[in-house]
């Protein structure tokens, strides 16, 4: 027996309409075509599916069994069709984000709150991209966006600029280095450097300053939360380097100062790495737009 979705829709429509004529109108086919379809289905089944002598027309015991199948299968098929329609229209989908910037969690949450209000049907998840190779995961479609400050030339991947920021030196207002107009790599010798719990290759202070200068601080203390880093710095337990917008946003106290790194200062750029095929999706455009808006707010704060 070969049952098609149209057969299940026919059974359901006749049951709901109570007759062939109304069901044909509901299904937008002729009454003759519907009667022919019913006969063909009964020939396949080898049993009558309808009690034709009753008014309104009702299902036989065999027809009721087929109706139960229709009521189980058709809602799932229709839900899947609706989901696919949402995907085609860019209203639904998946947005799994990997973050290679530890401090960016504090920047990203307001962005996602605005995103949720417009695209509540998009499945959003955040994964710390520092715990795995985020860009290969993007290419394998394990994640959909990677927030990174280290663009690479990868086939099928676009690095969309989000905003520029400056890594700045942060120290207690009473620290000897606080009197300097800017700090250099050599100033970190003998210092306790407080960082996020991130591999040093992914920290601006190492990749942009200390490693090229072959300078090693006296000690490294890793701390998860920005507020705790600033608390320790204000207490003169060490020095740190943080993105300028992070320091402005957290505003823990006035007991620490910031200074540029090097006389000219350092500038870094944050990117959203996205598969080229996903760039035109409405929810992807919205995420990038909200990210830019939040970045401008942080820069103006």
Protein backbone atom coordinates (compact mmCIF):
# COMPACT_ATOMS: atom_id res chain seq x y z
CA UNK A 1 0.00 0.00 0.00
CA UNK A 2 1.44 3.33 -1.07
CA UNK A 3 0.17 6.18 1.14
CA UNK A 4 0.99 9.76 0.19
CA UNK A 5 0.57 12.96 2.18
CA UNK A 6 -2.32 13.94 -0.12
CA UNK A 7 -4.16 10.79 0.93
CA UNK A 8 -3.81 11.72 4.58
CA UNK A 9 -4.99 15.26 3.85
CA UNK A 10 -7.98 13.85 1.99
CA UNK A 11 -9.01 11.62 4.89
CA UNK A 12 -8.70 14.50 7.33
CA UNK A 13 -10.57 16.96 5.10
CA UNK A 14 -13.54 14.62 4.48
CA UNK A 15 -13.77 13.83 8.19
CA UNK A 16 -13.72 17.53 9.11
CA UNK A 17 -16.03 18.66 6.28
CA UNK A 18 -18.50 15.76 6.56
CA UNK A 19 -18.73 15.24 2.81
CA UNK A 20 -16.85 15.04 -0.47
CA UNK A 21 -18.17 18.31 -1.94
CA UNK A 22 -17.08 20.48 1.00
CA UNK A 23 -13.78 18.61 1.33
CA UNK A 24 -13.04 19.18 -2.36
CA UNK A 25 -13.56 22.93 -1.87
CA UNK A 26 -11.32 22.83 1.19
CA UNK A 27 -8.58 21.02 -0.73
CA UNK A 28 -9.08 23.20 -3.83
CA UNK A 29 -9.68 20.24 -6.18
CA UNK A 30 -12.74 19.05 -8.11
CA UNK A 31 -15.24 16.69 -6.48
CA UNK A 32 -14.64 14.21 -9.29
CA UNK A 33 -10.87 14.22 -8.70
CA UNK A 34 -11.40 13.71 -4.97
CA UNK A 35 -13.80 10.80 -5.52
CA UNK A 36 -11.29 9.21 -7.88
CA UNK A 37 -8.55 9.62 -5.26
CA UNK A 38 -10.74 7.97 -2.60
CA UNK A 39 -11.48 5.01 -4.87
CA UNK A 40 -7.81 4.58 -5.69
CA UNK A 41 -6.90 4.64 -1.98
CA UNK A 42 -9.59 2.08 -1.13
CA UNK A 43 -8.41 -0.15 -3.98
CA UNK A 44 -4.90 -0.06 -2.52
CA UNK A 45 -6.15 -0.76 1.01
CA UNK A 46 -8.53 -3.48 -0.11
CA UNK A 47 -11.17 -2.20 2.34
CA UNK A 48 -13.80 0.55 2.41
CA UNK A 49 -12.61 3.65 4.20
CA UNK A 50 -15.99 5.44 4.29
CA UNK A 51 -19.55 4.52 5.20
CA UNK A 52 -21.27 6.04 2.17
CA UNK A 53 -24.85 5.41 3.28
CA UNK A 54 -24.54 7.80 6.20
CA UNK A 55 -25.08 11.57 6.18
CA UNK A 56 -22.87 13.28 6.91
CA UNK A 57 -20.39 10.90 5.31
CA UNK A 58 -18.36 9.17 7.99
CA UNK A 59 -15.26 7.04 8.20
CA UNK A 60 -15.33 3.29 8.55
CA UNK A 61 -13.27 1.54 11.21
CA UNK A 62 -10.42 1.24 8.69
CA UNK A 63 -10.84 4.88 7.74
CA UNK A 64 -10.59 5.91 11.39
CA UNK A 65 -7.28 4.05 11.65
CA UNK A 66 -6.02 6.05 8.67
CA UNK A 67 -7.37 9.26 10.22
CA UNK A 68 -5.37 8.63 13.40
CA UNK A 69 -2.25 8.29 11.26
CA UNK A 70 -3.09 11.57 9.48
CA UNK A 71 -3.57 13.35 12.82
CA UNK A 72 -0.14 12.13 13.97
CA UNK A 73 1.83 12.76 10.78
CA UNK A 74 0.32 15.88 9.18
CA UNK A 75 0.93 18.30 12.11
CA UNK A 76 4.60 17.29 12.10
CA UNK A 77 4.86 17.75 8.33
CA UNK A 78 3.11 21.13 8.52
CA UNK A 79 5.36 22.25 11.36
CA UNK A 80 8.40 21.27 9.32
CA UNK A 81 7.08 23.16 6.30
CA UNK A 82 6.54 26.24 8.46
CA UNK A 83 10.07 25.91 9.86
CA UNK A 84 11.54 25.65 6.36
CA UNK A 85 9.51 28.68 5.26
CA UNK A 86 10.94 30.61 8.21
CA UNK A 87 14.45 29.53 7.25
CA UNK A 88 13.93 30.67 3.66
CA UNK A 89 12.60 34.01 4.87
CA UNK A 90 15.46 34.40 7.36
CA UNK A 91 13.10 34.60 10.35
CA UNK A 92 14.27 31.41 12.02
CA UNK A 93 17.55 29.57 12.15
CA UNK A 94 20.55 29.01 14.38
CA UNK A 95 22.98 31.56 15.78
CA UNK A 96 25.71 29.76 17.70
CA UNK A 97 28.42 32.26 18.61
CA UNK A 98 32.01 31.49 19.59
CA UNK A 99 33.92 34.26 21.38
CA UNK A 100 37.70 34.51 21.18
CA UNK A 101 37.64 37.73 23.22
CA UNK A 102 37.11 37.01 26.92
CA UNK A 103 36.02 40.56 27.75
CA UNK A 104 33.46 40.50 24.94
CA UNK A 105 30.92 38.60 27.01
CA UNK A 106 30.11 41.90 28.74
CA UNK A 107 29.70 43.65 25.38
CA UNK A 108 27.73 40.87 23.70
CA UNK A 109 24.93 40.35 26.22
CA UNK A 110 23.18 43.71 25.54
CA UNK A 111 23.47 42.95 21.81
CA UNK A 112 21.78 39.57 22.25
CA UNK A 113 19.01 41.05 24.38
CA UNK A 114 18.09 43.40 21.53
CA UNK A 115 18.44 40.55 19.03
CA UNK A 116 16.10 38.30 21.04
CA UNK A 117 13.30 40.86 20.90
CA UNK A 118 13.27 40.87 17.09
CA UNK A 119 14.31 37.28 16.30
CA UNK A 120 12.96 35.26 19.19
CA UNK A 121 12.63 32.14 17.01
CA UNK A 122 16.34 31.98 16.24
CA UNK A 123 18.20 29.44 18.38
CA UNK A 124 21.01 31.41 20.10
CA UNK A 125 23.91 29.84 21.96
CA UNK A 126 27.28 31.17 23.12
CA UNK A 127 30.44 29.09 23.33
CA UNK A 128 33.78 30.32 24.71
CA UNK A 129 35.87 30.16 21.55
CA UNK A 130 39.01 30.15 23.67
CA UNK A 131 38.34 26.54 24.67
CA UNK A 132 38.45 25.15 21.11
CA UNK A 133 39.52 26.10 17.58
CA UNK A 134 36.67 28.44 16.74
CA UNK A 135 37.47 29.28 13.11
CA UNK A 136 37.76 25.65 11.97
CA UNK A 137 34.48 25.05 13.80
CA UNK A 138 32.94 27.90 11.81
CA UNK A 139 34.07 26.36 8.53
CA UNK A 140 32.65 22.99 9.60
CA UNK A 141 29.33 24.71 10.50
CA UNK A 142 29.62 23.74 14.16
CA UNK A 143 29.22 27.44 15.01
CA UNK A 144 27.82 30.34 12.97
CA UNK A 145 29.72 33.42 14.17
CA UNK A 146 33.17 33.87 15.70
CA UNK A 147 33.99 37.09 17.53
CA UNK A 148 37.73 37.60 17.05
CA UNK A 149 40.42 40.26 16.79
CA UNK A 150 42.64 38.03 14.64
CA UNK A 151 41.34 37.87 11.05
CA UNK A 152 42.62 35.15 8.74
CA UNK A 153 42.36 34.53 5.01
CA UNK A 154 39.93 31.61 4.98
CA UNK A 155 37.91 30.36 2.01
CA UNK A 156 34.20 31.05 2.36
CA UNK A 157 34.61 33.17 5.50
CA UNK A 158 34.12 36.94 5.78
CA UNK A 159 35.54 39.01 8.65
CA UNK A 160 33.07 41.85 9.20
CA UNK A 161 34.59 44.77 11.16
CA UNK A 162 32.68 45.58 14.34
CA UNK A 163 34.69 48.27 16.11
CA UNK A 164 38.18 49.44 17.01
CA UNK A 165 39.46 49.50 20.56
CA UNK A 166 42.67 50.33 22.38
CA UNK A 167 44.29 47.93 24.87
CA UNK A 168 45.28 50.16 27.81
CA UNK A 169 47.53 49.73 30.82
CA UNK A 170 45.62 49.78 34.12
CA UNK A 171 47.32 50.35 37.47
CA UNK A 172 46.57 51.68 40.93
CA UNK A 173 46.66 55.49 41.13
CA UNK A 174 49.52 55.07 43.65
CA UNK A 175 51.55 52.71 41.45
CA UNK A 176 54.98 54.08 40.35
CA UNK A 177 54.06 53.60 36.68
CA UNK A 178 50.94 55.73 37.10
CA UNK A 179 53.02 58.88 36.72
CA UNK A 180 54.19 57.93 33.22
CA UNK A 181 52.29 59.31 30.20
CA UNK A 182 52.49 55.87 28.57
CA UNK A 183 54.05 52.49 29.32
CA UNK A 184 56.30 50.29 27.22
CA UNK A 185 57.21 46.62 27.21
CA UNK A 186 60.20 47.09 29.55
CA UNK A 187 57.91 48.59 32.20
CA UNK A 188 56.32 45.18 32.73
CA UNK A 189 59.53 43.58 33.97
CA UNK A 190 59.17 42.86 37.67
CA UNK A 191 55.40 43.41 37.61
CA UNK A 192 52.57 41.05 38.55
CA UNK A 193 50.37 41.02 35.47
CA UNK A 194 46.69 40.24 36.08
CA UNK A 195 44.96 38.74 33.04
CA UNK A 196 41.90 36.78 32.04
CA UNK A 197 42.34 32.96 32.14
CA UNK A 198 43.28 32.86 28.47
CA UNK A 199 46.26 31.47 26.59
CA UNK A 200 48.81 34.27 26.30
CA UNK A 201 48.85 34.03 22.50
CA UNK A 202 45.27 35.35 22.56
CA UNK A 203 45.98 38.25 24.92
CA UNK A 204 46.76 41.63 23.31
CA UNK A 205 49.40 42.47 25.89
CA UNK A 206 51.47 39.45 24.86
CA UNK A 207 50.71 39.22 21.13
CA UNK A 208 51.11 42.95 20.49
CA UNK A 209 53.77 44.02 23.00
CA UNK A 210 55.54 41.62 25.36
CA UNK A 211 56.20 38.63 23.12
CA UNK A 212 57.71 40.69 20.25
CA UNK A 213 59.88 42.54 22.83
CA UNK A 214 60.81 39.27 24.58
CA UNK A 215 59.75 40.70 27.93
CA UNK A 216 58.37 38.48 30.69
CA UNK A 217 56.54 39.88 33.76
CA UNK A 218 57.59 38.68 37.19
CA UNK A 219 54.30 36.83 37.71
CA UNK A 220 50.98 36.26 35.98
CA UNK A 221 47.74 36.05 37.93
CA UNK A 222 44.65 34.88 36.08
CA UNK A 223 41.23 36.19 37.10
CA UNK A 224 37.87 35.44 35.48
CA UNK A 225 35.89 38.63 36.16
CA UNK A 226 36.73 42.16 35.01
CA UNK A 227 35.40 43.69 38.23
CA UNK A 228 37.74 41.49 40.28
CA UNK A 229 40.71 42.42 38.08
CA UNK A 230 39.98 46.10 38.69
CA UNK A 231 39.55 45.46 42.42
CA UNK A 232 42.98 43.83 42.60
CA UNK A 233 44.56 46.58 40.50
CA UNK A 234 43.02 49.30 42.66
CA UNK A 235 44.42 47.47 45.71
CA UNK A 236 47.91 47.56 44.13
CA UNK A 237 48.07 43.76 43.85
CA UNK A 238 49.30 43.98 40.27
CA UNK A 239 48.76 45.70 36.92
CA UNK A 240 46.64 44.75 33.96
CA UNK A 241 45.92 45.50 30.31
CA UNK A 242 42.27 45.69 29.27
CA UNK A 243 40.32 47.03 26.31
CA UNK A 244 39.56 50.71 26.84
CA UNK A 245 35.81 50.18 26.45
CA UNK A 246 35.82 47.51 29.18
CA UNK A 247 37.39 49.89 31.68
CA UNK A 248 34.88 52.63 30.79
CA UNK A 249 31.93 50.24 30.97
CA UNK A 250 32.70 48.57 34.30
CA UNK A 251 33.62 51.80 36.16
CA UNK A 252 34.56 49.97 39.32
CA UNK A 253 36.22 52.83 41.24
CA UNK A 254 38.44 55.87 40.83
CA UNK A 255 41.45 54.26 42.53
CA UNK A 256 43.12 53.19 39.30
CA UNK A 257 44.36 54.96 36.20
CA UNK A 258 44.78 53.98 32.56
CA UNK A 259 47.70 54.77 30.29
CA UNK A 260 48.35 54.07 26.59
CA UNK A 261 50.59 51.19 25.58
CA UNK A 262 53.59 52.77 23.81
CA UNK A 263 53.89 56.42 22.88
CA UNK A 264 51.55 56.09 19.88
CA UNK A 265 49.15 53.71 21.58
CA UNK A 266 47.91 50.40 20.22
CA UNK A 267 44.70 49.96 18.24
CA UNK A 268 42.98 46.65 17.67
CA UNK A 269 39.86 45.79 15.68
CA UNK A 270 37.15 43.34 16.61
CA UNK A 271 35.53 41.28 13.85
CA UNK A 272 32.58 38.99 13.39
CA UNK A 273 33.73 36.03 11.30
CA UNK A 274 30.77 34.70 9.31
CA UNK A 275 30.38 32.19 6.50
CA UNK A 276 29.90 34.13 3.24
CA UNK A 277 26.68 32.26 2.47
CA UNK A 278 25.12 33.49 5.74
CA UNK A 279 25.89 37.19 5.41
CA UNK A 280 22.59 38.05 3.71
CA UNK A 281 20.38 36.28 6.24
CA UNK A 282 18.14 38.89 7.91
CA UNK A 283 18.97 37.75 11.44
CA UNK A 284 22.70 37.83 10.69
CA UNK A 285 22.40 41.37 9.35
CA UNK A 286 20.47 42.32 12.48
CA UNK A 287 23.13 40.88 14.80
CA UNK A 288 25.90 42.79 13.03
CA UNK A 289 23.82 46.00 13.03
CA UNK A 290 23.10 45.71 16.76
CA UNK A 291 26.76 44.94 17.45
CA UNK A 292 27.83 48.11 15.65
CA UNK A 293 25.26 50.17 17.52
CA UNK A 294 26.41 48.82 20.89
CA UNK A 295 30.03 49.43 19.91
CA UNK A 296 29.28 53.09 19.16
CA UNK A 297 27.55 53.40 22.53
CA UNK A 298 30.61 51.99 24.29
CA UNK A 299 32.96 54.31 22.43
CA UNK A 300 30.86 57.34 23.32
CA UNK A 301 30.43 56.37 26.99
